[in-house]
PDB file of N, CA and C in Angstrom:
ATOM      1  N   UNK A   1       7.744  75.453 -60.723  1.00  0.00           N
ATOM      2  CA  UNK A   1       6.997  74.752 -59.834  1.00  0.00           C
ATOM      3  C   UNK A   1       7.844  73.081 -60.301  1.00  0.00           C
ATOM      4  N   UNK A   2       7.915  72.526 -59.223  1.00  0.00           N
ATOM      5  CA  UNK A   2       8.372  70.991 -59.561  1.00  0.00           C
ATOM      6  C   UNK A   2       8.063  69.572 -58.478  1.00  0.00           C
ATOM      7  N   UNK A   3       7.170  68.952 -59.084  1.00  0.00           N
ATOM      8  CA  UNK A   3       6.621  68.140 -58.063  1.00  0.00           C
ATOM      9  C   UNK A   3       7.258  66.916 -58.508  1.00  0.00           C
ATOM     10  N   UNK A   4       7.731  66.053 -56.938  1.00  0.00           N
ATOM     11  CA  UNK A   4       7.938  64.506 -57.154  1.00  0.00           C
ATOM     12  C   UNK A   4       7.217  63.920 -55.941  1.00  0.00           C
ATOM     13  N   UNK A   5       6.132  62.712 -56.708  1.00  0.00           N
ATOM     14  CA  UNK A   5       5.653  62.279 -55.318  1.00  0.00           C
ATOM     15  C   UNK A   5       4.687  62.772 -54.713  1.00  0.00           C
ATOM     16  N   UNK A   6       4.813  62.809 -53.582  1.00  0.00           N
ATOM     17  CA  UNK A   6       4.196  64.265 -52.561  1.00  0.00           C
ATOM     18  C   UNK A   6       5.053  65.544 -52.037  1.00  0.00           C
ATOM     19  N   UNK A   7       5.978  65.636 -52.506  1.00  0.00           N
ATOM     20  CA  UNK A   7       7.339  66.807 -52.281  1.00  0.00           C
ATOM     21  C   UNK A   7       6.964  67.679 -53.443  1.00  0.00           C
ATOM     22  N   UNK A   8       6.708  69.488 -53.579  1.00  0.00           N
ATOM     23  CA  UNK A   8       6.373  70.026 -54.170  1.00  0.00           C
ATOM     24  C   UNK A   8       7.627  71.075 -53.719  1.00  0.00           C
ATOM     25  N   UNK A   9       8.454  71.936 -55.012  1.00  0.00           N
ATOM     26  CA  UNK A   9       9.244  72.803 -55.024  1.00  0.00           C
ATOM     27  C   UNK A   9       8.477  73.503 -55.855  1.00  0.00           C
ATOM     28  N   UNK A  10       8.267  75.122 -55.048  1.00  0.00           N
ATOM     29  CA  UNK A  10       7.880  76.349 -56.002  1.00  0.00           C
ATOM     30  C   UNK A  10       8.656  77.337 -55.586  1.00  0.00           C
ATOM     31  N   UNK A  11       9.336  77.725 -56.665  1.00  0.00           N
ATOM     32  CA  UNK A  11      10.214  78.727 -56.925  1.00  0.00           C
ATOM     33  C   UNK A  11       9.803  80.314 -57.029  1.00  0.00           C
ATOM     34  N   UNK A  12       9.518  81.321 -55.743  1.00  0.00           N
ATOM     35  CA  UNK A  12       8.723  82.596 -56.334  1.00  0.00           C
ATOM     36  C   UNK A  12       9.642  83.709 -55.871  1.00  0.00           C
ATOM     37  N   UNK A  13       9.276  85.200 -56.355  1.00  0.00           N
ATOM     38  CA  UNK A  13       9.876  85.681 -55.719  1.00  0.00           C
ATOM     39  C   UNK A  13       8.523  86.834 -54.722  1.00  0.00           C
ATOM     40  N   UNK A  14       7.548  86.053 -54.168  1.00  0.00           N
ATOM     41  CA  UNK A  14       7.241  86.775 -53.466  1.00  0.00           C
ATOM     42  C   UNK A  14       7.749  87.451 -51.615  1.00  0.00           C
ATOM     43  N   UNK A  15       6.998  87.768 -51.171  1.00  0.00           N
ATOM     44  CA  UNK A  15       7.563  88.053 -49.896  1.00  0.00           C
ATOM     45  C   UNK A  15       7.569  86.909 -48.710  1.00  0.00           C
ATOM     46  N   UNK A  16       7.734  87.027 -47.387  1.00  0.00           N
ATOM     47  CA  UNK A  16       7.923  85.955 -47.219  1.00  0.00           C
ATOM     48  C   UNK A  16       6.669  85.768 -46.395  1.00  0.00           C
ATOM     49  N   UNK A  17       5.593  86.792 -45.930  1.00  0.00           N
ATOM     50  CA  UNK A  17       4.126  86.764 -45.739  1.00  0.00           C
ATOM     51  C   UNK A  17       3.475  86.087 -46.875  1.00  0.00           C
ATOM     52  N   UNK A  18       3.712  86.177 -47.662  1.00  0.00           N
ATOM     53  CA  UNK A  18       3.012  85.817 -48.670  1.00  0.00           C
ATOM     54  C   UNK A  18       3.370  84.162 -49.019  1.00  0.00           C
ATOM     55  N   UNK A  19       4.751  84.000 -49.127  1.00  0.00           N
ATOM     56  CA  UNK A  19       4.945  82.603 -48.616  1.00  0.00           C
ATOM     57  C   UNK A  19       4.288  81.570 -47.591  1.00  0.00           C
ATOM     58  N   UNK A  20       4.514  82.456 -47.018  1.00  0.00           N
ATOM     59  CA  UNK A  20       3.797  81.765 -45.609  1.00  0.00           C
ATOM     60  C   UNK A  20       2.471  81.601 -45.517  1.00  0.00           C
ATOM     61  N   UNK A  21       1.814  82.316 -46.491  1.00  0.00           N
ATOM     62  CA  UNK A  21       0.220  82.423 -46.348  1.00  0.00           C
ATOM     63  C   UNK A  21      -0.225  81.126 -47.549  1.00  0.00           C
ATOM     64  N   UNK A  22       0.826  80.620 -48.249  1.00  0.00           N
ATOM     65  CA  UNK A  22       0.241  79.811 -49.420  1.00  0.00           C
ATOM     66  C   UNK A  22       0.341  78.425 -49.120  1.00  0.00           C
ATOM     67  N   UNK A  23       0.779  77.984 -47.955  1.00  0.00           N
ATOM     68  CA  UNK A  23       0.220  76.370 -47.482  1.00  0.00           C
ATOM     69  C   UNK A  23      -1.093  76.439 -46.801  1.00  0.00           C
ATOM     70  N   UNK A  24      -1.567  77.874 -46.588  1.00  0.00           N
ATOM     71  CA  UNK A  24      -2.849  77.734 -45.648  1.00  0.00           C
ATOM     72  C   UNK A  24      -3.744  78.216 -47.116  1.00  0.00           C
ATOM     73  N   UNK A  25      -3.415  78.672 -47.808  1.00  0.00           N
ATOM     74  CA  UNK A  25      -4.525  78.729 -48.924  1.00  0.00           C
ATOM     75  C   UNK A  25      -4.719  77.709 -49.719  1.00  0.00           C
ATOM     76  N   UNK A  26      -3.542  76.761 -49.863  1.00  0.00           N
ATOM     77  CA  UNK A  26      -4.140  75.238 -50.365  1.00  0.00           C
ATOM     78  C   UNK A  26      -4.512  74.473 -49.677  1.00  0.00           C
ATOM     79  N   UNK A  27      -4.163  74.266 -48.355  1.00  0.00           N
ATOM     80  CA  UNK A  27      -5.188  73.498 -47.439  1.00  0.00           C
ATOM     81  C   UNK A  27      -6.634  74.275 -47.230  1.00  0.00           C
ATOM     82  N   UNK A  28      -7.071  75.178 -47.752  1.00  0.00           N
ATOM     83  CA  UNK A  28      -8.208  75.530 -48.189  1.00  0.00           C
ATOM     84  C   UNK A  28      -9.184  74.986 -48.938  1.00  0.00           C
ATOM     85  N   UNK A  29      -7.835  74.841 -49.655  1.00  0.00           N
ATOM     86  CA  UNK A  29      -9.259  74.043 -51.210  1.00  0.00           C
ATOM     87  C   UNK A  29      -9.198  72.830 -50.744  1.00  0.00           C
ATOM     88  N   UNK A  30      -8.603  71.819 -50.269  1.00  0.00           N
ATOM     89  CA  UNK A  30      -8.887  70.887 -50.052  1.00  0.00           C
ATOM     90  C   UNK A  30      -8.058  70.116 -48.495  1.00  0.00           C
ATOM     91  N   UNK A  31      -8.786  69.463 -47.686  1.00  0.00           N
ATOM     92  CA  UNK A  31      -7.994  69.109 -46.564  1.00  0.00           C
ATOM     93  C   UNK A  31      -6.588  68.128 -47.063  1.00  0.00           C
ATOM     94  N   UNK A  32      -6.876  67.495 -48.112  1.00  0.00           N
ATOM     95  CA  UNK A  32      -5.774  65.857 -48.234  1.00  0.00           C
ATOM     96  C   UNK A  32      -5.247  66.407 -49.143  1.00  0.00           C
ATOM     97  N   UNK A  33      -4.009  66.458 -49.558  1.00  0.00           N
ATOM     98  CA  UNK A  33      -3.081  66.656 -49.063  1.00  0.00           C
ATOM     99  C   UNK A  33      -2.752  67.751 -47.843  1.00  0.00           C
ATOM    100  N   UNK A  34      -2.186  67.671 -46.708  1.00  0.00           N
ATOM    101  CA  UNK A  34      -2.069  69.102 -46.096  1.00  0.00           C
ATOM    102  C   UNK A  34      -0.124  69.665 -46.749  1.00  0.00           C
ATOM    103  N   UNK A  35      -0.385  70.443 -46.430  1.00  0.00           N
ATOM    104  CA  UNK A  35       0.499  71.522 -47.302  1.00  0.00           C
ATOM    105  C   UNK A  35       1.067  72.083 -45.887  1.00  0.00           C
ATOM    106  N   UNK A  36       3.028  72.230 -46.411  1.00  0.00           N
ATOM    107  CA  UNK A  36       3.410  72.898 -45.270  1.00  0.00           C
ATOM    108  C   UNK A  36       4.713  73.834 -46.234  1.00  0.00           C
ATOM    109  N   UNK A  37       5.414  74.641 -45.545  1.00  0.00           N
ATOM    110  CA  UNK A  37       6.125  75.147 -46.304  1.00  0.00           C
ATOM    111  C   UNK A  37       7.721  75.608 -45.826  1.00  0.00           C
ATOM    112  N   UNK A  38       8.974  75.648 -46.092  1.00  0.00           N
ATOM    113  CA  UNK A  38      10.209  75.707 -45.981  1.00  0.00           C
ATOM    114  C   UNK A  38      10.933  76.650 -46.621  1.00  0.00           C
ATOM    115  N   UNK A  39      11.379  77.449 -45.736  1.00  0.00           N
ATOM    116  CA  UNK A  39      12.105  78.833 -46.361  1.00  0.00           C
ATOM    117  C   UNK A  39      13.393  78.711 -46.711  1.00  0.00           C
ATOM    118  N   UNK A  40      14.078  79.395 -47.278  1.00  0.00           N
ATOM    119  CA  UNK A  40      15.522  79.304 -47.590  1.00  0.00           C
ATOM    120  C   UNK A  40      16.470  79.611 -46.460  1.00  0.00           C
ATOM    121  N   UNK A  41      17.555  79.437 -46.093  1.00  0.00           N
ATOM    122  CA  UNK A  41      18.045  79.665 -45.189  1.00  0.00           C
ATOM    123  C   UNK A  41      19.523  79.817 -45.825  1.00  0.00           C
ATOM    124  N   UNK A  42      20.494  81.216 -45.615  1.00  0.00           N
ATOM    125  CA  UNK A  42      21.455  81.394 -46.362  1.00  0.00           C
ATOM    126  C   UNK A  42      21.549  81.342 -48.110  1.00  0.00           C
ATOM    127  N   UNK A  43      20.148  81.383 -48.446  1.00  0.00           N
ATOM    128  CA  UNK A  43      20.561  81.250 -49.706  1.00  0.00           C
ATOM    129  C   UNK A  43      20.271  79.285 -50.290  1.00  0.00           C
ATOM    130  N   UNK A  44      20.046  78.656 -49.051  1.00  0.00           N
ATOM    131  CA  UNK A  44      20.293  77.144 -49.671  1.00  0.00           C
ATOM    132  C   UNK A  44      18.785  76.702 -49.022  1.00  0.00           C
ATOM    133  N   UNK A  45      18.505  75.702 -49.670  1.00  0.00           N
ATOM    134  CA  UNK A  45      17.226  75.150 -49.453  1.00  0.00           C
ATOM    135  C   UNK A  45      17.270  73.604 -49.786  1.00  0.00           C
ATOM    136  N   UNK A  46      17.064  72.920 -49.026  1.00  0.00           N
ATOM    137  CA  UNK A  46      17.709  71.465 -49.367  1.00  0.00           C
ATOM    138  C   UNK A  46      15.924  70.737 -49.706  1.00  0.00           C
ATOM    139  N   UNK A  47      16.109  70.235 -50.785  1.00  0.00           N
ATOM    140  CA  UNK A  47      14.738  69.505 -51.595  1.00  0.00           C
ATOM    141  C   UNK A  47      15.168  68.278 -52.023  1.00  0.00           C
ATOM    142  N   UNK A  48      14.473  67.029 -51.008  1.00  0.00           N
ATOM    143  CA  UNK A  48      14.712  65.662 -51.902  1.00  0.00           C
ATOM    144  C   UNK A  48      16.055  65.474 -51.488  1.00  0.00           C
ATOM    145  N   UNK A  49      16.951  64.682 -52.184  1.00  0.00           N
ATOM    146  CA  UNK A  49      18.566  64.814 -52.139  1.00  0.00           C
ATOM    147  C   UNK A  49      19.822  65.887 -53.021  1.00  0.00           C
ATOM    148  N   UNK A  50      19.201  66.887 -52.994  1.00  0.00           N
ATOM    149  CA  UNK A  50      19.823  67.688 -53.607  1.00  0.00           C
ATOM    150  C   UNK A  50      19.702  69.371 -52.211  1.00  0.00           C
ATOM    151  N   UNK A  51      21.004  70.216 -52.581  1.00  0.00           N
ATOM    152  CA  UNK A  51      20.941  71.522 -51.877  1.00  0.00           C
ATOM    153  C   UNK A  51      20.934  72.253 -53.170  1.00  0.00           C
ATOM    154  N   UNK A  52      19.914  73.308 -53.121  1.00  0.00           N
ATOM    155  CA  UNK A  52      19.571  74.347 -53.932  1.00  0.00           C
ATOM    156  C   UNK A  52      20.254  75.505 -53.392  1.00  0.00           C
ATOM    157  N   UNK A  53      21.433  76.271 -53.987  1.00  0.00           N
ATOM    158  CA  UNK A  53      22.075  77.346 -53.627  1.00  0.00           C
ATOM    159  C   UNK A  53      21.473  78.573 -54.613  1.00  0.00           C
ATOM    160  N   UNK A  54      20.865  79.857 -54.135  1.00  0.00           N
ATOM    161  CA  UNK A  54      20.835  80.918 -54.925  1.00  0.00           C
ATOM    162  C   UNK A  54      21.833  82.023 -54.996  1.00  0.00           C
ATOM    163  N   UNK A  55      22.135  82.534 -56.048  1.00  0.00           N
ATOM    164  CA  UNK A  55      23.332  83.120 -56.438  1.00  0.00           C
ATOM    165  C   UNK A  55      23.597  83.686 -57.217  1.00  0.00           C
ATOM    166  N   UNK A  56      23.466  85.068 -57.066  1.00  0.00           N
ATOM    167  CA  UNK A  56      23.797  86.221 -58.651  1.00  0.00           C
ATOM    168  C   UNK A  56      22.589  85.883 -59.385  1.00  0.00           C
ATOM    169  N   UNK A  57      21.212  85.534 -58.772  1.00  0.00           N
ATOM    170  CA  UNK A  57      19.927  85.389 -59.631  1.00  0.00           C
ATOM    171  C   UNK A  57      20.011  84.463 -60.392  1.00  0.00           C
ATOM    172  N   UNK A  58      20.908  83.037 -60.157  1.00  0.00           N
ATOM    173  CA  UNK A  58      21.115  81.587 -60.409  1.00  0.00           C
ATOM    174  C   UNK A  58      21.066  80.694 -59.710  1.00  0.00           C
ATOM    175  N   UNK A  59      20.143  79.791 -60.145  1.00  0.00           N
ATOM    176  CA  UNK A  59      20.308  78.414 -59.117  1.00  0.00           C
ATOM    177  C   UNK A  59      21.385  77.361 -59.585  1.00  0.00           C
ATOM    178  N   UNK A  60      21.937  76.753 -58.322  1.00  0.00           N
ATOM    179  CA  UNK A  60      22.831  76.089 -58.455  1.00  0.00           C
ATOM    180  C   UNK A  60      22.371  74.732 -57.392  1.00  0.00           C
ATOM    181  N   UNK A  61      22.438  73.523 -58.349  1.00  0.00           N
ATOM    182  CA  UNK A  61      22.469  72.523 -57.203  1.00  0.00           C
ATOM    183  C   UNK A  61      23.455  71.425 -56.595  1.00  0.00           C
ATOM    184  N   UNK A  62      23.522  70.813 -55.625  1.00  0.00           N
ATOM    185  CA  UNK A  62      24.581  70.109 -55.414  1.00  0.00           C
ATOM    186  C   UNK A  62      24.000  69.477 -54.883  1.00  0.00           C
ATOM    187  N   UNK A  63      24.668  67.896 -54.520  1.00  0.00           N
ATOM    188  CA  UNK A  63      24.452  66.961 -53.655  1.00  0.00           C
ATOM    189  C   UNK A  63      24.409  67.312 -52.519  1.00  0.00           C
ATOM    190  N   UNK A  64      22.840  67.016 -51.443  1.00  0.00           N
ATOM    191  CA  UNK A  64      22.730  66.868 -49.884  1.00  0.00           C
ATOM    192  C   UNK A  64      23.078  65.980 -49.032  1.00  0.00           C
ATOM    193  N   UNK A  65      24.000  66.057 -48.287  1.00  0.00           N
ATOM    194  CA  UNK A  65      25.003  65.466 -47.436  1.00  0.00           C
ATOM    195  C   UNK A  65      24.313  65.947 -45.971  1.00  0.00           C
ATOM    196  N   UNK A  66      23.767  64.694 -45.206  1.00  0.00           N
ATOM    197  CA  UNK A  66      23.335  64.997 -43.951  1.00  0.00           C
ATOM    198  C   UNK A  66      24.320  64.932 -42.965  1.00  0.00           C
ATOM    199  N   UNK A  67      24.389  65.443 -42.319  1.00  0.00           N
ATOM    200  CA  UNK A  67      25.320  65.447 -41.140  1.00  0.00           C
ATOM    201  C   UNK A  67      26.100  64.010 -40.811  1.00  0.00           C
ATOM    202  N   UNK A  68      25.226  62.928 -40.301  1.00  0.00           N
ATOM    203  CA  UNK A  68      25.128  61.914 -39.807  1.00  0.00           C
ATOM    204  C   UNK A  68      25.608  61.082 -41.022  1.00  0.00           C
ATOM    205  N   UNK A  69      26.296  61.510 -42.350  1.00  0.00           N
ATOM    206  CA  UNK A  69      26.692  60.675 -43.204  1.00  0.00           C
ATOM    207  C   UNK A  69      28.229  60.018 -43.324  1.00  0.00           C
ATOM    208  N   UNK A  70      28.050  58.736 -42.905  1.00  0.00           N
ATOM    209  CA  UNK A  70      29.358  58.042 -42.898  1.00  0.00           C
ATOM    210  C   UNK A  70      30.202  57.334 -44.360  1.00  0.00           C
ATOM    211  N   UNK A  71      29.617  57.627 -45.867  1.00  0.00           N
ATOM    212  CA  UNK A  71      29.899  57.017 -46.877  1.00  0.00           C
ATOM    213  C   UNK A  71      30.037  55.400 -46.505  1.00  0.00           C
ATOM    214  N   UNK A  72      29.553  54.845 -45.736  1.00  0.00           N
ATOM    215  CA  UNK A  72      29.568  53.683 -45.391  1.00  0.00           C
ATOM    216  C   UNK A  72      28.695  52.379 -46.599  1.00  0.00           C
ATOM    217  N   UNK A  73      29.602  51.742 -47.286  1.00  0.00           N
ATOM    218  CA  UNK A  73      28.503  51.077 -48.587  1.00  0.00           C
ATOM    219  C   UNK A  73      28.842  49.516 -47.995  1.00  0.00           C
ATOM    220  N   UNK A  74      27.967  48.942 -48.648  1.00  0.00           N
ATOM    221  CA  UNK A  74      27.475  47.308 -48.264  1.00  0.00           C
ATOM    222  C   UNK A  74      28.688  46.404 -48.931  1.00  0.00           C
ATOM    223  N   UNK A  75      29.801  46.055 -48.218  1.00  0.00           N
ATOM    224  CA  UNK A  75      30.572  45.208 -49.444  1.00  0.00           C
ATOM    225  C   UNK A  75      29.800  44.003 -50.220  1.00  0.00           C
ATOM    226  N   UNK A  76      30.460  44.137 -51.493  1.00  0.00           N
ATOM    227  CA  UNK A  76      29.443  42.873 -52.361  1.00  0.00           C
ATOM    228  C   UNK A  76      29.949  41.676 -51.912  1.00  0.00           C
ATOM    229  N   UNK A  77      30.968  41.735 -51.077  1.00  0.00           N
ATOM    230  CA  UNK A  77      30.995  39.779 -50.618  1.00  0.00           C
ATOM    231  C   UNK A  77      30.293  39.706 -49.356  1.00  0.00           C
ATOM    232  N   UNK A  78      29.025  40.669 -48.953  1.00  0.00           N
ATOM    233  CA  UNK A  78      28.577  40.551 -47.682  1.00  0.00           C
ATOM    234  C   UNK A  78      27.151  39.685 -48.021  1.00  0.00           C
ATOM    235  N   UNK A  79      26.311  38.973 -47.173  1.00  0.00           N
ATOM    236  CA  UNK A  79      25.589  38.318 -46.878  1.00  0.00           C
ATOM    237  C   UNK A  79      24.134  38.828 -47.469  1.00  0.00           C
ATOM    238  N   UNK A  80      23.980  40.512 -47.843  1.00  0.00           N
ATOM    239  CA  UNK A  80      22.655  40.968 -48.157  1.00  0.00           C
ATOM    240  C   UNK A  80      22.084  40.491 -49.416  1.00  0.00           C
ATOM    241  N   UNK A  81      20.958  40.802 -49.267  1.00  0.00           N
ATOM    242  CA  UNK A  81      20.359  40.444 -50.672  1.00  0.00           C
ATOM    243  C   UNK A  81      20.768  41.451 -51.616  1.00  0.00           C
ATOM    244  N   UNK A  82      20.827  40.660 -53.114  1.00  0.00           N
ATOM    245  CA  UNK A  82      21.717  41.414 -53.761  1.00  0.00           C
ATOM    246  C   UNK A  82      20.750  42.803 -54.311  1.00  0.00           C
ATOM    247  N   UNK A  83      19.001  42.375 -54.069  1.00  0.00           N
ATOM    248  CA  UNK A  83      18.507  44.207 -54.652  1.00  0.00           C
ATOM    249  C   UNK A  83      18.943  44.913 -53.637  1.00  0.00           C
ATOM    250  N   UNK A  84      19.834  45.004 -52.216  1.00  0.00           N
ATOM    251  CA  UNK A  84      20.191  46.120 -51.251  1.00  0.00           C
ATOM    252  C   UNK A  84      21.603  46.419 -51.882  1.00  0.00           C
ATOM    253  N   UNK A  85      22.099  45.586 -52.354  1.00  0.00           N
ATOM    254  CA  UNK A  85      23.405  45.818 -52.763  1.00  0.00           C
ATOM    255  C   UNK A  85      23.368  46.567 -54.315  1.00  0.00           C
ATOM    256  N   UNK A  86      22.213  46.203 -54.842  1.00  0.00           N
ATOM    257  CA  UNK A  86      22.492  47.371 -56.261  1.00  0.00           C
ATOM    258  C   UNK A  86      21.895  48.140 -56.241  1.00  0.00           C
ATOM    259  N   UNK A  87      20.889  48.563 -55.081  1.00  0.00           N
ATOM    260  CA  UNK A  87      20.690  49.761 -54.853  1.00  0.00           C
ATOM    261  C   UNK A  87      21.182  51.121 -54.712  1.00  0.00           C
ATOM    262  N   UNK A  88      22.523  50.549 -54.115  1.00  0.00           N
ATOM    263  CA  UNK A  88      23.535  51.525 -53.440  1.00  0.00           C
ATOM    264  C   UNK A  88      24.595  52.527 -54.746  1.00  0.00           C
ATOM    265  N   UNK A  89      23.924  51.363 -56.122  1.00  0.00           N
ATOM    266  CA  UNK A  89      24.551  51.706 -57.366  1.00  0.00           C
ATOM    267  C   UNK A  89      24.062  53.212 -57.446  1.00  0.00           C
TER     268      UNK A  89
END
């Protein structure tokens, strides 16, 4: 179990049916917040800014990169506020 603000990661060995039932069980306890679930695809799951890989009963994490990533950064000489430039670090 891991929680960051309103994102929760639960790793379990339940069946897919049990995992799909889990959000409904949580939502029956209280209407807010609303829980949803997402299953791994090809032993991979994106959570926040990482991709979690399951391989040989071990978990590995790599940086999650969106397909639209351009790797562009704001040049320090630009006229953007310093807060935006520092946020890129």
